[in-house]
Amino acid sequence: MKLITTSWAFWALLSAAFAAMTAVLAKVGVSGVNSDLATFIRTIVILFVSAGVLCLFKGWQPVTSISARTWIFLLFSGIATGASWLCYFRALKMGEAAQVAPIDKLSVVLVAVFSVLFLGERLSIQNWLGVALIAIGAVLIAVRS
């Protein structure tokens, strides 16, 4: 029997749960502080947590074993992550978490589109229907009438 912790779905669900907690905790956390400073503080915490996980699971490896291509893509991924977090915290500072988070989750829709365009992945009609429903659902949650 396959352990649940070896399943991508297990880790994806945990990611979703932590992302939900992030929105609620960050909304409280950005009150009374500049959103960019809040992002910086969060980033420092993530740095220490990531280092701790690497130490705990002995995941360190020589930086020379990482290819130049990997370095470039991780660099740009880091830039995109930083930009996303800065925008997210600024949006949380200005809006309600229950509105900001669903719009942020339109990233799911964009990942589907980008993975088809840039990675050559294929989505079925059923998959595209799900993407459309996510987009519609995110907008319906975020729009206040």
C-alpha atoms as a PDB file:
ATOM      1  CA  MET A   1       0.000   0.000   0.000  1.00  0.00           C
ATOM      2  CA  LYS A   2       1.294   3.424  -0.952  1.00  0.00           C
ATOM      3  CA  LEU A   3       1.904   5.832   1.926  1.00  0.00           C
ATOM      4  CA  ILE A   4      -0.248   8.949   1.770  1.00  0.00           C
ATOM      5  CA  THR A   5       2.841  11.122   2.238  1.00  0.00           C
ATOM      6  CA  THR A   6       4.225   9.871  -1.086  1.00  0.00           C
ATOM      7  CA  SER A   7       1.200  11.223  -2.945  1.00  0.00           C
ATOM      8  CA  TRP A   8       1.300  14.560  -4.759  1.00  0.00           C
ATOM      9  CA  ALA A   9      -2.369  15.075  -3.824  1.00  0.00           C
ATOM     10  CA  PHE A  10      -1.555  14.870  -0.100  1.00  0.00           C
ATOM     11  CA  TRP A  11       1.063  17.610  -0.400  1.00  0.00           C
ATOM     12  CA  ALA A  12      -1.161  19.720  -2.667  1.00  0.00           C
ATOM     13  CA  LEU A  13      -3.990  19.584  -0.107  1.00  0.00           C
ATOM     14  CA  LEU A  14      -1.582  20.566   2.660  1.00  0.00           C
ATOM     15  CA  SER A  15      -0.388  23.426   0.467  1.00  0.00           C
ATOM     16  CA  ALA A  16      -3.981  24.605   0.017  1.00  0.00           C
ATOM     17  CA  ALA A  17      -4.628  24.424   3.759  1.00  0.00           C
ATOM     18  CA  PHE A  18      -1.474  26.402   4.558  1.00  0.00           C
ATOM     19  CA  ALA A  19      -2.292  28.920   1.816  1.00  0.00           C
ATOM     20  CA  ALA A  20      -5.722  29.455   3.379  1.00  0.00           C
ATOM     21  CA  MET A  21      -4.144  29.964   6.782  1.00  0.00           C
ATOM     22  CA  THR A  22      -1.658  32.371   5.171  1.00  0.00           C
ATOM     23  CA  ALA A  23      -4.454  34.611   3.924  1.00  0.00           C
ATOM     24  CA  VAL A  24      -6.186  34.829   7.290  1.00  0.00           C
ATOM     25  CA  LEU A  25      -2.999  35.194   9.357  1.00  0.00           C
ATOM     26  CA  ALA A  26      -1.471  37.689   6.916  1.00  0.00           C
ATOM     27  CA  LYS A  27      -4.609  39.844   6.898  1.00  0.00           C
ATOM     28  CA  VAL A  28      -4.236  40.284  10.650  1.00  0.00           C
ATOM     29  CA  GLY A  29      -0.465  40.574  10.335  1.00  0.00           C
ATOM     30  CA  VAL A  30      -0.474  43.453   7.839  1.00  0.00           C
ATOM     31  CA  SER A  31      -2.597  45.689  10.035  1.00  0.00           C
ATOM     32  CA  GLY A  32      -0.463  48.470  11.441  1.00  0.00           C
ATOM     33  CA  VAL A  33       2.619  47.698   9.313  1.00  0.00           C
ATOM     34  CA  ASN A  34       3.768  48.475   5.781  1.00  0.00           C
ATOM     35  CA  SER A  35       2.793  45.559   3.526  1.00  0.00           C
ATOM     36  CA  ASP A  36       6.290  45.401   1.996  1.00  0.00           C
ATOM     37  CA  LEU A  37       7.864  45.151   5.461  1.00  0.00           C
ATOM     38  CA  ALA A  38       5.351  42.433   6.354  1.00  0.00           C
ATOM     39  CA  THR A  39       6.418  40.523   3.229  1.00  0.00           C
ATOM     40  CA  PHE A  40      10.081  40.926   4.207  1.00  0.00           C
ATOM     41  CA  ILE A  41       9.429  39.565   7.707  1.00  0.00           C
ATOM     42  CA  ARG A  42       7.486  36.639   6.265  1.00  0.00           C
ATOM     43  CA  THR A  43      10.349  35.930   3.851  1.00  0.00           C
ATOM     44  CA  ILE A  44      12.888  35.799   6.702  1.00  0.00           C
ATOM     45  CA  VAL A  45      10.665  33.318   8.538  1.00  0.00           C
ATOM     46  CA  ILE A  46      10.385  31.197   5.383  1.00  0.00           C
ATOM     47  CA  LEU A  47      14.177  31.278   4.965  1.00  0.00           C
ATOM     48  CA  PHE A  48      14.679  29.845   8.468  1.00  0.00           C
ATOM     49  CA  VAL A  49      11.886  27.282   8.109  1.00  0.00           C
ATOM     50  CA  SER A  50      13.289  26.100   4.759  1.00  0.00           C
ATOM     51  CA  ALA A  51      16.809  25.828   6.197  1.00  0.00           C
ATOM     52  CA  GLY A  52      15.407  23.862   9.137  1.00  0.00           C
ATOM     53  CA  VAL A  53      13.624  21.438   6.832  1.00  0.00           C
ATOM     54  CA  LEU A  54      16.795  20.977   4.772  1.00  0.00           C
ATOM     55  CA  CYS A  55      18.757  20.218   7.943  1.00  0.00           C
ATOM     56  CA  LEU A  56      16.095  17.915   9.364  1.00  0.00           C
ATOM     57  CA  PHE A  57      15.786  15.831   6.189  1.00  0.00           C
ATOM     58  CA  LYS A  58      19.441  16.157   5.162  1.00  0.00           C
ATOM     59  CA  GLY A  59      18.469  17.817   1.883  1.00  0.00           C
ATOM     60  CA  TRP A  60      21.526  20.027   1.463  1.00  0.00           C
ATOM     61  CA  GLN A  61      23.626  19.415  -1.629  1.00  0.00           C
ATOM     62  CA  PRO A  62      26.662  21.161  -3.101  1.00  0.00           C
ATOM     63  CA  VAL A  63      25.648  24.242  -5.069  1.00  0.00           C
ATOM     64  CA  THR A  64      28.085  23.151  -7.775  1.00  0.00           C
ATOM     65  CA  SER A  65      25.855  20.121  -8.422  1.00  0.00           C
ATOM     66  CA  ILE A  66      23.072  22.425  -9.619  1.00  0.00           C
ATOM     67  CA  SER A  67      23.094  23.187 -13.348  1.00  0.00           C
ATOM     68  CA  ALA A  68      23.229  26.731 -14.709  1.00  0.00           C
ATOM     69  CA  ARG A  69      19.818  26.216 -16.327  1.00  0.00           C
ATOM     70  CA  THR A  70      18.324  25.213 -12.970  1.00  0.00           C
ATOM     71  CA  TRP A  71      19.910  28.248 -11.282  1.00  0.00           C
ATOM     72  CA  ILE A  72      18.422  30.565 -13.919  1.00  0.00           C
ATOM     73  CA  PHE A  73      14.925  29.127 -13.602  1.00  0.00           C
ATOM     74  CA  LEU A  74      15.071  29.132  -9.792  1.00  0.00           C
ATOM     75  CA  LEU A  75      16.260  32.748  -9.891  1.00  0.00           C
ATOM     76  CA  PHE A  76      13.341  33.815 -12.065  1.00  0.00           C
ATOM     77  CA  SER A  77      10.946  31.694 -10.006  1.00  0.00           C
ATOM     78  CA  GLY A  78      12.187  33.466  -6.887  1.00  0.00           C
ATOM     79  CA  ILE A  79      11.664  36.855  -8.510  1.00  0.00           C
ATOM     80  CA  ALA A  80       8.130  35.855  -9.519  1.00  0.00           C
ATOM     81  CA  THR A  81       7.437  34.532  -6.007  1.00  0.00           C
ATOM     82  CA  GLY A  82       8.671  37.752  -4.433  1.00  0.00           C
ATOM     83  CA  ALA A  83       6.580  39.865  -6.788  1.00  0.00           C
ATOM     84  CA  SER A  84       3.541  37.687  -6.075  1.00  0.00           C
ATOM     85  CA  TRP A  85       3.981  37.980  -2.310  1.00  0.00           C
ATOM     86  CA  LEU A  86       4.508  41.749  -2.430  1.00  0.00           C
ATOM     87  CA  CYS A  87       1.354  42.175  -4.520  1.00  0.00           C
ATOM     88  CA  TYR A  88      -0.602  39.730  -2.354  1.00  0.00           C
ATOM     89  CA  PHE A  89       0.267  41.474   0.909  1.00  0.00           C
ATOM     90  CA  ARG A  90      -0.490  44.866  -0.608  1.00  0.00           C
ATOM     91  CA  ALA A  91      -3.882  43.565  -1.804  1.00  0.00           C
ATOM     92  CA  LEU A  92      -4.576  42.111   1.670  1.00  0.00           C
ATOM     93  CA  LYS A  93      -3.713  45.458   3.240  1.00  0.00           C
ATOM     94  CA  MET A  94      -6.297  47.169   0.997  1.00  0.00           C
ATOM     95  CA  GLY A  95      -9.036  44.546   0.691  1.00  0.00           C
ATOM     96  CA  GLU A  96     -10.795  41.756   2.501  1.00  0.00           C
ATOM     97  CA  ALA A  97      -9.087  38.365   2.701  1.00  0.00           C
ATOM     98  CA  ALA A  98     -12.245  36.665   1.389  1.00  0.00           C
ATOM     99  CA  GLN A  99     -11.995  38.808  -1.751  1.00  0.00           C
ATOM    100  CA  VAL A 100      -8.232  38.896  -2.255  1.00  0.00           C
ATOM    101  CA  ALA A 101      -7.575  35.162  -1.862  1.00  0.00           C
ATOM    102  CA  PRO A 102     -10.010  33.979  -4.572  1.00  0.00           C
ATOM    103  CA  ILE A 103      -8.583  36.445  -7.091  1.00  0.00           C
ATOM    104  CA  ASP A 104      -5.083  35.287  -6.133  1.00  0.00           C
ATOM    105  CA  LYS A 105      -6.231  31.737  -6.844  1.00  0.00           C
ATOM    106  CA  LEU A 106      -6.871  32.714 -10.438  1.00  0.00           C
ATOM    107  CA  SER A 107      -3.234  31.622 -10.591  1.00  0.00           C
ATOM    108  CA  VAL A 108      -4.685  28.117 -10.975  1.00  0.00           C
ATOM    109  CA  VAL A 109      -6.325  29.220 -14.213  1.00  0.00           C
ATOM    110  CA  LEU A 110      -3.136  30.910 -15.398  1.00  0.00           C
ATOM    111  CA  VAL A 111      -1.036  27.836 -14.555  1.00  0.00           C
ATOM    112  CA  ALA A 112      -3.325  25.734 -16.753  1.00  0.00           C
ATOM    113  CA  VAL A 113      -2.989  28.180 -19.648  1.00  0.00           C
ATOM    114  CA  PHE A 114       0.780  28.660 -19.198  1.00  0.00           C
ATOM    115  CA  SER A 115       1.423  24.915 -18.847  1.00  0.00           C
ATOM    116  CA  VAL A 116      -0.304  24.315 -22.176  1.00  0.00           C
ATOM    117  CA  LEU A 117       1.433  27.234 -23.922  1.00  0.00           C
ATOM    118  CA  PHE A 118       4.934  26.873 -22.511  1.00  0.00           C
ATOM    119  CA  LEU A 119       5.286  23.299 -21.238  1.00  0.00           C
ATOM    120  CA  GLY A 120       3.313  21.502 -23.939  1.00  0.00           C
ATOM    121  CA  GLU A 121       0.932  19.923 -21.437  1.00  0.00           C
ATOM    122  CA  ARG A 122      -2.461  18.787 -22.679  1.00  0.00           C
ATOM    123  CA  LEU A 123      -5.763  19.349 -20.934  1.00  0.00           C
ATOM    124  CA  SER A 124      -8.977  17.510 -21.760  1.00  0.00           C
ATOM    125  CA  ILE A 125     -12.354  19.146 -22.268  1.00  0.00           C
ATOM    126  CA  GLN A 126     -13.186  18.131 -18.699  1.00  0.00           C
ATOM    127  CA  ASN A 127      -9.992  19.826 -17.471  1.00  0.00           C
ATOM    128  CA  TRP A 128     -10.797  23.046 -19.358  1.00  0.00           C
ATOM    129  CA  LEU A 129     -14.314  22.983 -17.920  1.00  0.00           C
ATOM    130  CA  GLY A 130     -12.772  22.780 -14.443  1.00  0.00           C
ATOM    131  CA  VAL A 131     -10.467  25.700 -15.256  1.00  0.00           C
ATOM    132  CA  ALA A 132     -13.465  27.756 -16.409  1.00  0.00           C
ATOM    133  CA  LEU A 133     -15.420  26.873 -13.264  1.00  0.00           C
ATOM    134  CA  ILE A 134     -12.472  27.910 -11.070  1.00  0.00           C
ATOM    135  CA  ALA A 135     -12.312  31.244 -12.885  1.00  0.00           C
ATOM    136  CA  ILE A 136     -16.043  31.825 -12.578  1.00  0.00           C
ATOM    137  CA  GLY A 137     -16.047  30.702  -8.934  1.00  0.00           C
ATOM    138  CA  ALA A 138     -13.149  32.974  -7.995  1.00  0.00           C
ATOM    139  CA  VAL A 139     -14.894  35.988  -9.495  1.00  0.00           C
ATOM    140  CA  LEU A 140     -18.236  35.094  -7.858  1.00  0.00           C
ATOM    141  CA  ILE A 141     -16.565  34.796  -4.444  1.00  0.00           C
ATOM    142  CA  ALA A 142     -14.600  38.015  -4.807  1.00  0.00           C
ATOM    143  CA  VAL A 143     -17.346  40.280  -6.140  1.00  0.00           C
ATOM    144  CA  ARG A 144     -19.484  41.799  -3.418  1.00  0.00           C
ATOM    145  CA  SER A 145     -22.983  42.876  -4.353  1.00  0.00           C
END
